[in-house]
Amino acid sequence: MNAIELLKEDHQEALRLMTELETADEEAGTDPTYTETFNQLNQALKMHTRIEEEVFYPAMEEFNEMRELVRESYREHDQVDQLLMQLSTMAPNEEEFQETLAELRDAVEHHIEEEEGEMFPKAEELCNQSRLQELGRKMEEIRNDSRRVAATMRRK
């Protein structure tokens, strides 16, 4: 899978998990399912940020016409990280959680629009398919290594 396909899959997964969490405000009490869903969203967005910042963005910064887009993406990642940190201190069925989740959705959707509407098409113009495949392999390797470490830690 090339880098852009992989990142687009991540975007869809994040949106799906946020949609699940948006139904938590209708539930009475704190359902552990929603806490688990939030943990999945948190991990998914952190991993997405990591592979973009360690692999994709550095490759894009090699091109002058991509540098400002990449800088903006780093700022957007910081905003998402702040919102995730706030959400981690709340229960999914609380009104404040839902309000902050709405802010997170707006931030993530804006980020997706910029990447899929501007950055990814430019990346496809500037990089050949083998380069995008190579970046995708590196990102999958980081993701798989992280999963192996997490599985090892759970067994201990």
Protein backbone atom coordinates (compact mmCIF):
# COMPACT_ATOMS: atom_id res chain seq x y z
CA MET A 1 0.00 0.00 0.00
CA ASN A 2 1.40 3.40 -0.83
CA ALA A 3 1.72 6.20 1.73
CA ILE A 4 -1.29 8.15 0.53
CA GLU A 5 -3.61 5.13 0.53
CA LEU A 6 -2.47 4.25 4.05
CA LEU A 7 -3.01 7.78 5.36
CA LYS A 8 -6.46 7.99 3.74
CA GLU A 9 -7.43 4.72 5.47
CA ASP A 10 -6.31 6.26 8.77
CA HIS A 11 -8.51 9.29 8.10
CA GLN A 12 -11.57 7.11 7.52
CA GLU A 13 -10.88 5.07 10.66
CA ALA A 14 -10.60 8.22 12.80
CA LEU A 15 -13.88 9.58 11.43
CA ARG A 16 -15.60 6.23 12.07
CA LEU A 17 -14.41 6.12 15.69
CA MET A 18 -15.51 9.72 16.29
CA THR A 19 -18.97 8.88 14.93
CA GLU A 20 -19.21 6.00 17.43
CA LEU A 21 -18.22 8.30 20.28
CA GLU A 22 -20.80 10.90 19.27
CA THR A 23 -23.55 8.45 20.22
CA ALA A 24 -22.20 8.22 23.80
CA ASP A 25 -24.01 11.40 24.84
CA GLU A 26 -27.30 9.53 24.45
CA GLU A 27 -26.24 6.80 26.88
CA ALA A 28 -26.86 6.89 30.60
CA GLY A 29 -23.80 6.29 32.74
CA THR A 30 -20.32 5.57 31.49
CA ASP A 31 -20.32 2.62 29.13
CA PRO A 32 -16.86 0.98 29.05
CA THR A 33 -17.33 0.44 25.31
CA TYR A 34 -17.07 4.19 24.75
CA THR A 35 -13.95 4.43 26.87
CA GLU A 36 -12.41 1.65 24.76
CA THR A 37 -13.53 3.43 21.58
CA PHE A 38 -11.89 6.65 22.80
CA ASN A 39 -8.69 4.72 23.58
CA GLN A 40 -8.74 3.31 20.03
CA LEU A 41 -9.27 6.80 18.58
CA ASN A 42 -6.50 8.23 20.74
CA GLN A 43 -4.06 5.49 19.70
CA ALA A 44 -5.07 5.71 16.03
CA LEU A 45 -4.56 9.47 15.87
CA LYS A 46 -1.26 9.30 17.76
CA MET A 47 0.03 6.60 15.42
CA HIS A 48 -1.18 8.55 12.39
CA THR A 49 0.63 11.64 13.66
CA ARG A 50 3.77 9.63 14.33
CA ILE A 51 4.02 8.05 10.89
CA GLU A 52 3.29 11.35 9.18
CA GLU A 53 5.88 13.22 11.24
CA GLU A 54 8.56 10.52 11.08
CA VAL A 55 8.15 9.43 7.46
CA PHE A 56 5.74 11.36 5.25
CA TYR A 57 6.36 14.98 6.22
CA PRO A 58 10.16 14.78 6.12
CA ALA A 59 9.90 13.33 2.60
CA MET A 60 7.53 16.13 1.56
CA GLU A 61 9.75 18.84 3.06
CA GLU A 62 12.33 17.99 0.41
CA PHE A 63 10.09 19.94 -2.00
CA ASN A 64 9.92 23.73 -1.61
CA GLU A 65 6.28 23.84 -2.67
CA MET A 66 5.32 21.48 0.19
CA ARG A 67 7.09 23.14 3.12
CA GLU A 68 4.31 25.54 4.14
CA LEU A 69 1.68 22.78 3.91
CA VAL A 70 3.84 20.58 6.13
CA ARG A 71 4.36 23.38 8.67
CA GLU A 72 0.60 23.92 8.81
CA SER A 73 0.08 20.18 9.32
CA TYR A 74 2.46 20.16 12.29
CA ARG A 75 0.40 22.97 13.86
CA GLU A 76 -2.80 21.01 13.24
CA HIS A 77 -1.26 17.93 14.88
CA ASP A 78 -0.48 20.02 17.97
CA GLN A 79 -4.10 21.16 18.13
CA VAL A 80 -5.36 17.56 17.83
CA ASP A 81 -2.93 16.44 20.55
CA GLN A 82 -4.24 19.15 22.90
CA LEU A 83 -7.85 18.13 22.28
CA LEU A 84 -7.04 14.45 22.83
CA MET A 85 -5.35 15.33 26.11
CA GLN A 86 -8.47 17.23 27.24
CA LEU A 87 -10.76 14.37 26.19
CA SER A 88 -8.68 11.83 28.11
CA THR A 89 -9.74 13.48 31.38
CA MET A 90 -13.50 13.24 30.68
CA ALA A 91 -16.17 10.56 30.41
CA PRO A 92 -17.64 10.07 26.91
CA ASN A 93 -21.22 10.61 28.10
CA GLU A 94 -20.45 14.06 29.57
CA GLU A 95 -21.61 17.16 27.72
CA GLU A 96 -18.11 18.69 27.92
CA PHE A 97 -16.64 15.56 26.30
CA GLN A 98 -19.12 15.83 23.43
CA GLU A 99 -18.35 19.54 22.95
CA THR A 100 -14.61 18.85 22.88
CA LEU A 101 -15.18 15.87 20.60
CA ALA A 102 -17.01 18.22 18.19
CA GLU A 103 -13.94 20.50 18.23
CA LEU A 104 -11.73 17.47 17.56
CA ARG A 105 -13.92 16.40 14.63
CA ASP A 106 -13.71 19.92 13.15
CA ALA A 107 -9.92 19.94 13.52
CA VAL A 108 -9.52 16.45 12.05
CA GLU A 109 -11.91 17.15 9.16
CA HIS A 110 -10.03 20.38 8.35
CA HIS A 111 -6.74 18.47 8.43
CA ILE A 112 -8.15 15.75 6.16
CA GLU A 113 -9.46 18.34 3.68
CA GLU A 114 -6.05 20.00 3.45
CA GLU A 115 -4.16 16.74 3.11
CA GLU A 116 -6.51 14.98 0.71
CA GLY A 117 -7.39 18.12 -1.24
CA GLU A 118 -3.98 19.74 -1.48
CA MET A 119 -1.03 17.86 -0.01
CA PHE A 120 -1.71 14.36 -1.37
CA PRO A 121 -2.35 15.46 -4.97
CA LYS A 122 0.90 17.49 -4.88
CA ALA A 123 2.73 14.50 -3.39
CA GLU A 124 1.48 12.33 -6.25
CA GLU A 125 2.78 14.90 -8.75
CA LEU A 126 6.17 15.26 -7.06
CA CYS A 127 6.87 11.63 -6.12
CA ASN A 128 6.82 8.60 -8.34
CA GLN A 129 4.78 5.54 -7.33
CA SER A 130 7.82 3.59 -6.14
CA ARG A 131 8.71 6.42 -3.72
CA LEU A 132 5.14 6.49 -2.38
CA GLN A 133 5.25 2.68 -2.00
CA GLU A 134 8.55 2.94 -0.12
CA LEU A 135 7.12 5.57 2.24
CA GLY A 136 4.06 3.36 2.79
CA ARG A 137 6.29 0.40 3.66
CA LYS A 138 8.20 2.49 6.20
CA MET A 139 4.97 3.66 7.79
CA GLU A 140 3.58 0.13 8.00
CA GLU A 141 6.86 -1.02 9.55
CA ILE A 142 6.61 1.61 12.30
CA ARG A 143 2.98 0.67 12.93
CA ASN A 144 3.77 -3.06 13.07
CA ASP A 145 6.78 -2.53 15.36
CA SER A 146 4.62 -0.48 17.70
CA ARG A 147 1.96 -3.21 17.78
CA ARG A 148 4.59 -5.86 18.59
CA VAL A 149 5.94 -3.77 21.46
CA ALA A 150 2.42 -3.17 22.82
CA ALA A 151 1.60 -6.89 22.60
CA THR A 152 4.83 -7.74 24.45
CA MET A 153 4.04 -5.20 27.16
CA ARG A 154 0.53 -6.65 27.67
CA ARG A 155 1.98 -10.16 28.17
CA LYS A 156 4.30 -9.01 30.95
